[in-house]
């Protein structure tokens, strides 16, 4: 199964897509290693686009491994889209009172107490 490249320009990335892409890239790497046998060069592979992508996705997976939902579908939300995502999610869940006034209608990203 061919998967699409995971990039940080997407608004939302599902962790299951990351997992699928890692599995795909790992299988491609394993096949290339088997095909090349003794001539396999790990460093040359790591310098390819696929090698760099696999390395980055494995690092992302390692960083996110503390999430209990990683294998079941954790949403990775781009910073630039977070406020819109939070508003849409709250609206979809019926948590938005259309008659509410500020501050009940205001979501502040990256707010620190």
Protein backbone atom coordinates (compact mmCIF):
# COMPACT_ATOMS: atom_id res chain seq x y z
CA UNK A 1 0.00 0.00 0.00
CA UNK A 2 1.46 3.35 -1.04
CA UNK A 3 1.13 6.16 1.48
CA UNK A 4 1.54 9.89 1.08
CA UNK A 5 4.43 11.85 2.50
CA UNK A 6 3.84 13.37 5.92
CA UNK A 7 4.74 17.06 6.02
CA UNK A 8 4.44 19.76 8.64
CA UNK A 9 2.52 21.94 6.19
CA UNK A 10 -0.68 19.95 6.76
CA UNK A 11 -3.25 21.45 9.12
CA UNK A 12 -4.01 18.15 10.86
CA UNK A 13 -2.05 14.88 10.82
CA UNK A 14 -3.49 11.67 12.21
CA UNK A 15 -0.94 9.56 14.09
CA UNK A 16 -2.23 6.46 12.29
CA UNK A 17 -1.09 8.04 9.01
CA UNK A 18 2.36 8.55 10.54
CA UNK A 19 2.45 4.92 11.67
CA UNK A 20 1.38 3.68 8.23
CA UNK A 21 3.99 5.86 6.52
CA UNK A 22 6.73 4.56 8.85
CA UNK A 23 5.72 0.98 8.08
CA UNK A 24 5.72 1.70 4.35
CA UNK A 25 9.12 3.44 4.38
CA UNK A 26 10.61 0.73 6.60
CA UNK A 27 9.41 -1.98 4.21
CA UNK A 28 10.88 -0.06 1.26
CA UNK A 29 14.17 0.29 3.13
CA UNK A 30 14.23 -3.39 4.05
CA UNK A 31 13.58 -4.34 0.41
CA UNK A 32 16.34 -2.05 -0.85
CA UNK A 33 18.72 -3.48 1.73
CA UNK A 34 17.85 -7.03 0.70
CA UNK A 35 18.24 -6.19 -3.00
CA UNK A 36 21.64 -4.56 -2.51
CA UNK A 37 22.98 -7.18 -0.10
CA UNK A 38 26.64 -6.60 0.77
CA UNK A 39 26.63 -3.33 -1.17
CA UNK A 40 24.01 -1.78 1.13
CA UNK A 41 25.15 1.56 2.50
CA UNK A 42 23.07 2.83 5.41
CA UNK A 43 24.55 6.32 5.23
CA UNK A 44 23.73 6.68 1.52
CA UNK A 45 20.16 5.59 2.26
CA UNK A 46 19.88 8.08 5.12
CA UNK A 47 20.90 10.86 2.70
CA UNK A 48 17.92 10.13 0.42
CA UNK A 49 14.57 11.92 0.81
CA UNK A 50 12.97 8.67 1.98
CA UNK A 51 15.75 8.00 4.49
CA UNK A 52 15.49 11.50 5.94
CA UNK A 53 11.69 11.24 6.12
CA UNK A 54 11.86 7.87 7.88
CA UNK A 55 14.37 9.23 10.39
CA UNK A 56 12.19 12.29 11.11
CA UNK A 57 9.00 10.23 11.47
CA UNK A 58 10.70 7.76 13.82
CA UNK A 59 11.86 10.71 15.96
CA UNK A 60 8.31 12.11 15.96
CA UNK A 61 6.91 8.73 16.98
CA UNK A 62 9.48 8.43 19.76
CA UNK A 63 8.60 11.90 21.06
CA UNK A 64 4.87 11.13 20.94
CA UNK A 65 5.20 7.66 22.46
CA UNK A 66 3.98 8.95 25.84
CA UNK A 67 0.54 9.55 24.33
CA UNK A 68 -1.80 6.67 25.12
CA UNK A 69 -3.78 7.40 21.95
CA UNK A 70 -0.85 7.41 19.51
CA UNK A 71 -1.68 3.99 18.03
CA UNK A 72 -5.41 4.72 17.96
CA UNK A 73 -5.44 8.12 16.29
CA UNK A 74 -3.88 11.13 17.98
CA UNK A 75 -4.42 14.41 16.12
CA UNK A 76 -1.36 16.56 15.51
CA UNK A 77 -2.57 20.13 14.96
CA UNK A 78 -0.41 22.72 13.21
CA UNK A 79 0.19 25.85 15.34
CA UNK A 80 -1.26 28.12 12.67
CA UNK A 81 -4.50 26.12 12.60
CA UNK A 82 -4.95 25.36 16.30
CA UNK A 83 -7.37 28.18 17.14
CA UNK A 84 -9.65 27.36 14.18
CA UNK A 85 -9.43 23.64 15.01
CA UNK A 86 -10.40 24.26 18.64
CA UNK A 87 -13.35 26.43 17.61
CA UNK A 88 -14.58 23.85 15.08
CA UNK A 89 -14.18 21.01 17.56
CA UNK A 90 -16.09 22.88 20.27
CA UNK A 91 -18.84 23.71 17.77
CA UNK A 92 -19.01 20.10 16.50
CA UNK A 93 -19.32 18.81 20.07
CA UNK A 94 -22.19 21.20 20.83
CA UNK A 95 -20.15 23.13 23.35
CA UNK A 96 -20.74 26.53 21.79
CA UNK A 97 -23.52 28.72 23.11
CA UNK A 98 -24.34 30.97 20.17
CA UNK A 99 -25.74 33.57 22.61
CA UNK A 100 -22.56 33.72 24.69
CA UNK A 101 -20.53 36.89 24.84
CA UNK A 102 -16.82 37.47 25.22
CA UNK A 103 -14.79 35.90 26.93
CA UNK A 104 -16.86 32.73 26.48
CA UNK A 105 -16.37 32.88 22.72
CA UNK A 106 -12.63 33.54 22.77
CA UNK A 107 -9.95 30.86 22.56
CA UNK A 108 -6.39 32.05 23.09
CA UNK A 109 -3.66 29.75 21.74
CA UNK A 110 -0.39 29.48 23.68
CA UNK A 111 -1.83 31.30 26.68
CA UNK A 112 0.26 30.85 29.85
CA UNK A 113 -1.05 31.66 33.33
